Amino acid sequence: MLIDTHAHLDEQSFHSDIDEVLARAAEAGVVNILTIGVTAPTSEAAVHLADKYAQLCAVVGIQPNYVSEAKPHDFETITRLATHPKVVAIGETGLDRYWDHSPIEEQVVEFHRHIELAREVGKPFIVHCREAEANVVEVLKEQAKQGLPPGVMHSFCGDEQTAEICLSLGMHLSFAGMLTFKRNEELRAVAKTVPLDRLLVETDSPYLAPVPMRGKRNEPAHVAHTNACLAEIHGVSAEDMAAITTANARKLFGLPA
């Protein structure tokens, strides 16, 4: 059994064949999928999908690249959705210095606000970090003074030092298809240092398709390839790694066995 802890199933590329996508995921052993919001409207869409399909859970938030275009009442929508029974986490939130869509100062304010909401509703939070590791760590350390809720560094691609700090703060690290890319030997070396009880796997569908599906639309069934890569890195069977990451996801997100 596998759990894809990060997908964007509301994306247009899934509109025509979502039922087939979920059927392929089930055939691949994927028992749960977290579909992630990046804006207020996509968070509402995630909740709608989770209500429709038992296999799905929702995560709601405003992703850092969309902070500047958010409307004044959008965070009120996120706050309302946060207590929905199919919502298992807050996010994705975080910081992004790669794209120049939102000033970093605005992103920081929203990052804090999302973590505070996670603390308030008693749910984990999911972090997007792109070329902003030092800034993300700074926010996490500041929030830790008040007691950091459980969290996930999604699609982790940072260095070993960043991994160590995040782990020391109680974070989980989730690995996506980039782990399988031939050039990413350094990332695989970092993944090897992560304790088994802090590992998660994801697809970030429809993006970041793993080898051997690279270049195609990614979908939740493909999480099996990343899981197999992570298993090889840690010297365990794919079945054992699936059991480990599934147990971790169930514990973190409160998912039923």
C-alpha atoms as a PDB file:
ATOM      1  CA  MET A   1       0.000   0.000   0.000  1.00  0.00           C
ATOM      2  CA  LEU A   2       1.129   3.531  -0.818  1.00  0.00           C
ATOM      3  CA  ILE A   3      -0.016   7.061   0.004  1.00  0.00           C
ATOM      4  CA  ASP A   4       0.672   9.917  -2.399  1.00  0.00           C
ATOM      5  CA  THR A   5       1.020  12.822   0.030  1.00  0.00           C
ATOM      6  CA  HIS A   6       1.003  15.595  -2.580  1.00  0.00           C
ATOM      7  CA  ALA A   7      -0.941  15.891  -5.833  1.00  0.00           C
ATOM      8  CA  HIS A   8      -2.926  18.580  -7.631  1.00  0.00           C
ATOM      9  CA  LEU A   9      -5.871  16.629  -8.983  1.00  0.00           C
ATOM     10  CA  ASP A  10      -7.948  19.752  -9.605  1.00  0.00           C
ATOM     11  CA  GLU A  11      -5.551  20.680 -12.443  1.00  0.00           C
ATOM     12  CA  GLN A  12      -7.116  20.914 -15.890  1.00  0.00           C
ATOM     13  CA  SER A  13      -4.987  18.055 -17.195  1.00  0.00           C
ATOM     14  CA  PHE A  14      -7.032  15.684 -14.986  1.00  0.00           C
ATOM     15  CA  HIS A  15     -10.499  17.028 -15.836  1.00  0.00           C
ATOM     16  CA  SER A  16     -11.202  14.544 -18.623  1.00  0.00           C
ATOM     17  CA  ASP A  17     -10.004  11.318 -16.991  1.00  0.00           C
ATOM     18  CA  ILE A  18      -9.929  11.684 -13.199  1.00  0.00           C
ATOM     19  CA  ASP A  19     -11.838   8.413 -12.716  1.00  0.00           C
ATOM     20  CA  GLU A  20      -9.300   6.498 -14.824  1.00  0.00           C
ATOM     21  CA  VAL A  21      -6.411   8.205 -12.996  1.00  0.00           C
ATOM     22  CA  LEU A  22      -7.792   7.123  -9.626  1.00  0.00           C
ATOM     23  CA  ALA A  23      -8.427   3.597 -10.905  1.00  0.00           C
ATOM     24  CA  ARG A  24      -4.794   3.308 -12.037  1.00  0.00           C
ATOM     25  CA  ALA A  25      -3.672   4.604  -8.660  1.00  0.00           C
ATOM     26  CA  ALA A  26      -5.728   1.946  -6.889  1.00  0.00           C
ATOM     27  CA  GLU A  27      -4.278  -0.747  -9.156  1.00  0.00           C
ATOM     28  CA  ALA A  28      -0.791   0.453  -8.195  1.00  0.00           C
ATOM     29  CA  GLY A  29      -1.657   0.096  -4.505  1.00  0.00           C
ATOM     30  CA  VAL A  30      -2.209   3.787  -3.760  1.00  0.00           C
ATOM     31  CA  VAL A  31      -4.832   3.774  -1.013  1.00  0.00           C
ATOM     32  CA  ASN A  32      -4.923   7.511  -0.289  1.00  0.00           C
ATOM     33  CA  ILE A  33      -4.030  10.688  -2.166  1.00  0.00           C
ATOM     34  CA  LEU A  34      -3.756  14.175  -0.704  1.00  0.00           C
ATOM     35  CA  THR A  35      -4.944  16.711  -3.264  1.00  0.00           C
ATOM     36  CA  ILE A  36      -3.512  20.138  -2.545  1.00  0.00           C
ATOM     37  CA  GLY A  37      -4.912  23.638  -2.923  1.00  0.00           C
ATOM     38  CA  VAL A  38      -2.728  26.576  -3.987  1.00  0.00           C
ATOM     39  CA  THR A  39      -5.397  29.302  -3.934  1.00  0.00           C
ATOM     40  CA  ALA A  40      -8.782  29.727  -2.266  1.00  0.00           C
ATOM     41  CA  PRO A  41     -10.654  28.471  -5.383  1.00  0.00           C
ATOM     42  CA  THR A  42      -8.345  25.459  -5.864  1.00  0.00           C
ATOM     43  CA  SER A  43      -8.623  24.675  -2.156  1.00  0.00           C
ATOM     44  CA  GLU A  44     -12.404  24.607  -2.539  1.00  0.00           C
ATOM     45  CA  ALA A  45     -11.939  22.353  -5.572  1.00  0.00           C
ATOM     46  CA  ALA A  46      -9.704  20.031  -3.527  1.00  0.00           C
ATOM     47  CA  VAL A  47     -12.360  19.721  -0.837  1.00  0.00           C
ATOM     48  CA  HIS A  48     -15.006  19.052  -3.487  1.00  0.00           C
ATOM     49  CA  LEU A  49     -12.892  16.240  -4.948  1.00  0.00           C
ATOM     50  CA  ALA A  50     -12.243  14.770  -1.505  1.00  0.00           C
ATOM     51  CA  ASP A  51     -15.962  14.790  -0.783  1.00  0.00           C
ATOM     52  CA  LYS A  52     -16.631  12.998  -4.071  1.00  0.00           C
ATOM     53  CA  TYR A  53     -13.918  10.328  -3.890  1.00  0.00           C
ATOM     54  CA  ALA A  54     -13.261   8.278  -0.748  1.00  0.00           C
ATOM     55  CA  GLN A  55      -9.652   7.713  -1.845  1.00  0.00           C
ATOM     56  CA  LEU A  56      -8.887  11.449  -1.563  1.00  0.00           C
ATOM     57  CA  CYS A  57      -8.170  13.880   1.266  1.00  0.00           C
ATOM     58  CA  ALA A  58      -7.744  17.627   0.863  1.00  0.00           C
ATOM     59  CA  VAL A  59      -5.135  20.168   1.927  1.00  0.00           C
ATOM     60  CA  VAL A  60      -6.076  23.859   1.819  1.00  0.00           C
ATOM     61  CA  GLY A  61      -3.941  26.963   1.582  1.00  0.00           C
ATOM     62  CA  ILE A  62      -2.469  29.739  -0.531  1.00  0.00           C
ATOM     63  CA  GLN A  63       0.829  28.782  -2.153  1.00  0.00           C
ATOM     64  CA  PRO A  64       3.531  31.489  -1.929  1.00  0.00           C
ATOM     65  CA  ASN A  65       3.509  32.284  -5.656  1.00  0.00           C
ATOM     66  CA  TYR A  66      -0.194  33.169  -5.418  1.00  0.00           C
ATOM     67  CA  VAL A  67       0.003  35.373  -2.320  1.00  0.00           C
ATOM     68  CA  SER A  68      -0.015  38.682  -4.202  1.00  0.00           C
ATOM     69  CA  GLU A  69      -3.060  37.849  -6.282  1.00  0.00           C
ATOM     70  CA  ALA A  70      -5.126  36.584  -3.337  1.00  0.00           C
ATOM     71  CA  LYS A  71      -8.284  38.557  -2.634  1.00  0.00           C
ATOM     72  CA  PRO A  72      -8.887  40.146   0.797  1.00  0.00           C
ATOM     73  CA  HIS A  73     -11.297  37.421   1.955  1.00  0.00           C
ATOM     74  CA  ASP A  74      -9.434  34.428   0.520  1.00  0.00           C
ATOM     75  CA  PHE A  75      -7.760  33.512   3.794  1.00  0.00           C
ATOM     76  CA  GLU A  76     -11.175  33.537   5.461  1.00  0.00           C
ATOM     77  CA  THR A  77     -12.127  30.852   2.942  1.00  0.00           C
ATOM     78  CA  ILE A  78      -9.041  28.824   3.875  1.00  0.00           C
ATOM     79  CA  THR A  79      -9.887  29.208   7.572  1.00  0.00           C
ATOM     80  CA  ARG A  80     -13.440  28.002   6.959  1.00  0.00           C
ATOM     81  CA  LEU A  81     -12.288  25.014   4.927  1.00  0.00           C
ATOM     82  CA  ALA A  82      -9.596  24.104   7.466  1.00  0.00           C
ATOM     83  CA  THR A  83     -12.095  22.441   9.794  1.00  0.00           C
ATOM     84  CA  HIS A  84     -13.757  20.349   7.072  1.00  0.00           C
ATOM     85  CA  PRO A  85     -13.532  16.641   8.012  1.00  0.00           C
ATOM     86  CA  LYS A  86     -11.818  15.690   4.722  1.00  0.00           C
ATOM     87  CA  VAL A  87      -9.144  18.390   5.163  1.00  0.00           C
ATOM     88  CA  VAL A  88      -6.089  16.770   6.755  1.00  0.00           C
ATOM     89  CA  ALA A  89      -3.516  19.592   6.560  1.00  0.00           C
ATOM     90  CA  ILE A  90      -2.907  23.279   5.837  1.00  0.00           C
ATOM     91  CA  GLY A  91      -0.935  24.315   2.755  1.00  0.00           C
ATOM     92  CA  GLU A  92       0.791  24.326   0.642  1.00  0.00           C
ATOM     93  CA  THR A  93       2.435  27.341   2.219  1.00  0.00           C
ATOM     94  CA  GLY A  94       6.073  28.416   2.418  1.00  0.00           C
ATOM     95  CA  LEU A  95       8.494  30.593   0.462  1.00  0.00           C
ATOM     96  CA  ASP A  96       9.667  30.789  -3.146  1.00  0.00           C
ATOM     97  CA  ARG A  97      12.597  32.894  -4.358  1.00  0.00           C
ATOM     98  CA  TYR A  98      12.806  31.200  -7.771  1.00  0.00           C
ATOM     99  CA  TRP A  99       9.722  32.883  -9.221  1.00  0.00           C
ATOM    100  CA  ASP A 100       9.133  36.603  -8.831  1.00  0.00           C
ATOM    101  CA  HIS A 101       5.347  36.441  -8.437  1.00  0.00           C
ATOM    102  CA  SER A 102       5.013  37.649  -4.828  1.00  0.00           C
ATOM    103  CA  PRO A 103       7.362  39.811  -2.714  1.00  0.00           C
ATOM    104  CA  ILE A 104       9.181  37.678  -0.161  1.00  0.00           C
ATOM    105  CA  GLU A 105       7.918  39.930   2.659  1.00  0.00           C
ATOM    106  CA  GLU A 106       4.302  39.110   1.755  1.00  0.00           C
ATOM    107  CA  GLN A 107       5.153  35.425   1.496  1.00  0.00           C
ATOM    108  CA  VAL A 108       6.663  35.449   4.991  1.00  0.00           C
ATOM    109  CA  VAL A 109       3.536  37.014   6.495  1.00  0.00           C
ATOM    110  CA  GLU A 110       1.323  34.360   4.886  1.00  0.00           C
ATOM    111  CA  PHE A 111       3.682  31.554   5.855  1.00  0.00           C
ATOM    112  CA  HIS A 112       3.380  32.557   9.496  1.00  0.00           C
ATOM    113  CA  ARG A 113      -0.391  32.867   9.150  1.00  0.00           C
ATOM    114  CA  HIS A 114      -0.736  29.367   7.701  1.00  0.00           C
ATOM    115  CA  ILE A 115       1.368  27.792  10.465  1.00  0.00           C
ATOM    116  CA  GLU A 116      -0.694  29.626  13.068  1.00  0.00           C
ATOM    117  CA  LEU A 117      -3.876  28.301  11.462  1.00  0.00           C
ATOM    118  CA  ALA A 118      -2.453  24.764  11.525  1.00  0.00           C
ATOM    119  CA  ARG A 119      -1.718  25.183  15.220  1.00  0.00           C
ATOM    120  CA  GLU A 120      -5.217  26.533  15.846  1.00  0.00           C
ATOM    121  CA  VAL A 121      -7.051  23.679  14.102  1.00  0.00           C
ATOM    122  CA  GLY A 122      -4.644  20.966  15.243  1.00  0.00           C
ATOM    123  CA  LYS A 123      -3.561  19.806  11.791  1.00  0.00           C
ATOM    124  CA  PRO A 124      -0.147  19.517  10.099  1.00  0.00           C
ATOM    125  CA  PHE A 125       1.123  22.028   7.539  1.00  0.00           C
ATOM    126  CA  ILE A 126       2.816  21.436   4.193  1.00  0.00           C
ATOM    127  CA  VAL A 127       5.748  23.587   3.084  1.00  0.00           C
ATOM    128  CA  HIS A 128       6.711  24.646  -0.422  1.00  0.00           C
ATOM    129  CA  CYS A 129      10.349  25.783  -0.545  1.00  0.00           C
ATOM    130  CA  ARG A 130      12.191  26.808  -3.680  1.00  0.00           C
ATOM    131  CA  GLU A 131      15.583  28.494  -3.405  1.00  0.00           C
ATOM    132  CA  ALA A 132      14.497  29.884  -0.016  1.00  0.00           C
ATOM    133  CA  GLU A 133      15.829  27.327   2.458  1.00  0.00           C
ATOM    134  CA  ALA A 134      17.442  29.832   4.844  1.00  0.00           C
ATOM    135  CA  ASN A 135      14.286  31.945   4.970  1.00  0.00           C
ATOM    136  CA  VAL A 136      12.048  28.921   5.512  1.00  0.00           C
ATOM    137  CA  VAL A 137      14.247  27.674   8.355  1.00  0.00           C
ATOM    138  CA  GLU A 138      14.130  31.137   9.937  1.00  0.00           C
ATOM    139  CA  VAL A 139      10.312  31.122   9.950  1.00  0.00           C
ATOM    140  CA  LEU A 140      10.159  27.549  11.274  1.00  0.00           C
ATOM    141  CA  LYS A 141      12.542  28.385  14.119  1.00  0.00           C
ATOM    142  CA  GLU A 142      10.533  31.472  15.013  1.00  0.00           C
ATOM    143  CA  GLN A 143       7.290  29.504  15.043  1.00  0.00           C
ATOM    144  CA  ALA A 144       8.943  26.744  17.083  1.00  0.00           C
ATOM    145  CA  LYS A 145       9.186  29.175  20.006  1.00  0.00           C
ATOM    146  CA  GLN A 146       5.389  28.814  20.304  1.00  0.00           C
ATOM    147  CA  GLY A 147       5.394  25.086  19.588  1.00  0.00           C
ATOM    148  CA  LEU A 148       5.672  24.072  15.949  1.00  0.00           C
ATOM    149  CA  PRO A 149       2.792  21.935  14.653  1.00  0.00           C
ATOM    150  CA  PRO A 150       3.761  18.776  12.749  1.00  0.00           C
ATOM    151  CA  GLY A 151       4.821  19.623   9.218  1.00  0.00           C
ATOM    152  CA  VAL A 152       6.141  18.374   5.891  1.00  0.00           C
ATOM    153  CA  MET A 153       8.852  19.741   3.625  1.00  0.00           C
ATOM    154  CA  HIS A 154       7.172  18.760   0.375  1.00  0.00           C
ATOM    155  CA  SER A 155       9.187  17.673  -2.673  1.00  0.00           C
ATOM    156  CA  PHE A 156      12.321  18.147  -0.620  1.00  0.00           C
ATOM    157  CA  CYS A 157      15.385  19.139  -2.630  1.00  0.00           C
ATOM    158  CA  GLY A 158      17.497  20.949  -0.025  1.00  0.00           C
ATOM    159  CA  ASP A 159      20.952  20.071   1.244  1.00  0.00           C
ATOM    160  CA  GLU A 160      21.910  17.893   4.205  1.00  0.00           C
ATOM    161  CA  GLN A 161      22.216  20.862   6.584  1.00  0.00           C
ATOM    162  CA  THR A 162      18.687  22.025   5.773  1.00  0.00           C
ATOM    163  CA  ALA A 163      17.416  18.468   6.213  1.00  0.00           C
ATOM    164  CA  GLU A 164      19.093  18.210   9.616  1.00  0.00           C
ATOM    165  CA  ILE A 165      17.549  21.471  10.819  1.00  0.00           C
ATOM    166  CA  CYS A 166      14.092  20.545   9.579  1.00  0.00           C
ATOM    167  CA  LEU A 167      14.333  17.132  11.216  1.00  0.00           C
ATOM    168  CA  SER A 168      15.467  18.714  14.484  1.00  0.00           C
ATOM    169  CA  LEU A 169      12.307  20.835  14.372  1.00  0.00           C
ATOM    170  CA  GLY A 170      10.162  17.703  14.012  1.00  0.00           C
ATOM    171  CA  MET A 171       9.443  18.037  10.291  1.00  0.00           C
ATOM    172  CA  HIS A 172       8.896  15.159   7.889  1.00  0.00           C
ATOM    173  CA  LEU A 173      10.641  15.174   4.501  1.00  0.00           C
ATOM    174  CA  SER A 174       8.675  14.117   1.434  1.00  0.00           C
ATOM    175  CA  PHE A 175      10.400  13.078  -1.776  1.00  0.00           C
ATOM    176  CA  ALA A 176       8.983  13.370  -5.285  1.00  0.00           C
ATOM    177  CA  GLY A 177      10.067  12.279  -8.759  1.00  0.00           C
ATOM    178  CA  MET A 178      13.210  14.428  -8.710  1.00  0.00           C
ATOM    179  CA  LEU A 179      14.732  11.805  -6.422  1.00  0.00           C
ATOM    180  CA  THR A 180      14.829   9.408  -9.389  1.00  0.00           C
ATOM    181  CA  PHE A 181      16.525  11.783 -11.847  1.00  0.00           C
ATOM    182  CA  LYS A 182      19.979  10.543 -12.861  1.00  0.00           C
ATOM    183  CA  ARG A 183      21.751  13.817 -12.040  1.00  0.00           C
ATOM    184  CA  ASN A 184      20.361  14.045  -8.491  1.00  0.00           C
ATOM    185  CA  GLU A 185      23.001  11.998  -6.693  1.00  0.00           C
ATOM    186  CA  GLU A 186      23.332  14.660  -3.987  1.00  0.00           C
ATOM    187  CA  LEU A 187      19.589  14.540  -3.258  1.00  0.00           C
ATOM    188  CA  ARG A 188      19.716  10.752  -2.961  1.00  0.00           C
ATOM    189  CA  ALA A 189      22.611  11.127  -0.535  1.00  0.00           C
ATOM    190  CA  VAL A 190      20.504  13.497   1.576  1.00  0.00           C
ATOM    191  CA  ALA A 191      17.520  11.124   1.444  1.00  0.00           C
ATOM    192  CA  LYS A 192      19.723   8.355   2.833  1.00  0.00           C
ATOM    193  CA  THR A 193      20.320  10.414   6.004  1.00  0.00           C
ATOM    194  CA  VAL A 194      16.608  10.830   6.790  1.00  0.00           C
ATOM    195  CA  PRO A 195      15.326   8.515   9.542  1.00  0.00           C
ATOM    196  CA  LEU A 196      12.775   5.998   8.293  1.00  0.00           C
ATOM    197  CA  ASP A 197      10.054   7.373  10.558  1.00  0.00           C
ATOM    198  CA  ARG A 198      10.279  10.819   8.898  1.00  0.00           C
ATOM    199  CA  LEU A 199      10.025   9.747   5.254  1.00  0.00           C
ATOM    200  CA  LEU A 200       7.079  10.394   2.943  1.00  0.00           C
ATOM    201  CA  VAL A 201       6.589   9.941  -0.808  1.00  0.00           C
ATOM    202  CA  GLU A 202       4.600  12.043  -3.257  1.00  0.00           C
ATOM    203  CA  THR A 203       4.126  12.759  -6.934  1.00  0.00           C
ATOM    204  CA  ASP A 204       3.294  16.492  -7.076  1.00  0.00           C
ATOM    205  CA  SER A 205       1.079  15.403  -9.987  1.00  0.00           C
ATOM    206  CA  PRO A 206       0.801  16.463 -12.744  1.00  0.00           C
ATOM    207  CA  TYR A 207       4.398  17.703 -12.390  1.00  0.00           C
ATOM    208  CA  LEU A 208       7.805  16.059 -11.785  1.00  0.00           C
ATOM    209  CA  ALA A 209       7.097  12.638 -13.270  1.00  0.00           C
ATOM    210  CA  PRO A 210       9.712  10.142 -12.033  1.00  0.00           C
ATOM    211  CA  VAL A 211      11.958   7.950 -14.123  1.00  0.00           C
ATOM    212  CA  PRO A 212      10.825   5.977 -16.171  1.00  0.00           C
ATOM    213  CA  MET A 213       7.765   8.193 -16.760  1.00  0.00           C
ATOM    214  CA  ARG A 214       9.741  11.433 -17.119  1.00  0.00           C
ATOM    215  CA  GLY A 215       8.377  13.736 -19.801  1.00  0.00           C
ATOM    216  CA  LYS A 216       4.819  12.457 -19.381  1.00  0.00           C
ATOM    217  CA  ARG A 217       2.000  13.782 -17.255  1.00  0.00           C
ATOM    218  CA  ASN A 218       2.599  12.651 -13.715  1.00  0.00           C
ATOM    219  CA  GLU A 219      -0.176  10.925 -11.798  1.00  0.00           C
ATOM    220  CA  PRO A 220      -0.547   9.271  -8.369  1.00  0.00           C
ATOM    221  CA  ALA A 221       0.124   5.727  -9.614  1.00  0.00           C
ATOM    222  CA  HIS A 222       3.682   6.820 -10.417  1.00  0.00           C
ATOM    223  CA  VAL A 223       4.493   7.314  -6.727  1.00  0.00           C
ATOM    224  CA  ALA A 224       5.506   3.645  -6.788  1.00  0.00           C
ATOM    225  CA  HIS A 225       8.631   4.573  -8.785  1.00  0.00           C
ATOM    226  CA  THR A 226       9.772   7.145  -6.226  1.00  0.00           C
ATOM    227  CA  ASN A 227       9.030   4.707  -3.422  1.00  0.00           C
ATOM    228  CA  ALA A 228      11.179   2.059  -5.148  1.00  0.00           C
ATOM    229  CA  CYS A 229      14.041   4.543  -5.501  1.00  0.00           C
ATOM    230  CA  LEU A 230      13.797   5.521  -1.850  1.00  0.00           C
ATOM    231  CA  ALA A 231      13.774   1.845  -0.875  1.00  0.00           C
ATOM    232  CA  GLU A 232      16.962   1.208  -2.847  1.00  0.00           C
ATOM    233  CA  ILE A 233      18.646   4.206  -1.187  1.00  0.00           C
ATOM    234  CA  HIS A 234      17.829   2.839   2.279  1.00  0.00           C
ATOM    235  CA  GLY A 235      18.599  -0.773   1.417  1.00  0.00           C
ATOM    236  CA  VAL A 236      15.116  -2.145   2.043  1.00  0.00           C
ATOM    237  CA  SER A 237      12.521  -3.735  -0.213  1.00  0.00           C
ATOM    238  CA  ALA A 238       9.991  -1.608  -2.058  1.00  0.00           C
ATOM    239  CA  GLU A 239       7.264  -3.370  -0.060  1.00  0.00           C
ATOM    240  CA  ASP A 240       8.914  -2.457   3.240  1.00  0.00           C
ATOM    241  CA  MET A 241       9.418   1.164   2.196  1.00  0.00           C
ATOM    242  CA  ALA A 242       5.773   1.359   1.129  1.00  0.00           C
ATOM    243  CA  ALA A 243       4.734   0.075   4.543  1.00  0.00           C
ATOM    244  CA  ILE A 244       7.023   2.593   6.259  1.00  0.00           C
ATOM    245  CA  THR A 245       5.915   5.660   4.314  1.00  0.00           C
ATOM    246  CA  THR A 246       2.260   4.647   4.506  1.00  0.00           C
ATOM    247  CA  ALA A 247       2.445   4.243   8.283  1.00  0.00           C
ATOM    248  CA  ASN A 248       4.188   7.625   8.551  1.00  0.00           C
ATOM    249  CA  ALA A 249       1.521   9.349   6.451  1.00  0.00           C
ATOM    250  CA  ARG A 250      -1.329   7.747   8.366  1.00  0.00           C
ATOM    251  CA  LYS A 251       0.126   8.833  11.694  1.00  0.00           C
ATOM    252  CA  LEU A 252       0.939  12.373  10.555  1.00  0.00           C
ATOM    253  CA  PHE A 253      -2.342  13.114   8.780  1.00  0.00           C
ATOM    254  CA  GLY A 254      -4.641  11.041  10.972  1.00  0.00           C
ATOM    255  CA  LEU A 255      -5.672   8.720   8.147  1.00  0.00           C
ATOM    256  CA  PRO A 256      -7.520   5.487   8.930  1.00  0.00           C
ATOM    257  CA  ALA A 257      -5.740   2.173   8.464  1.00  0.00           C
END
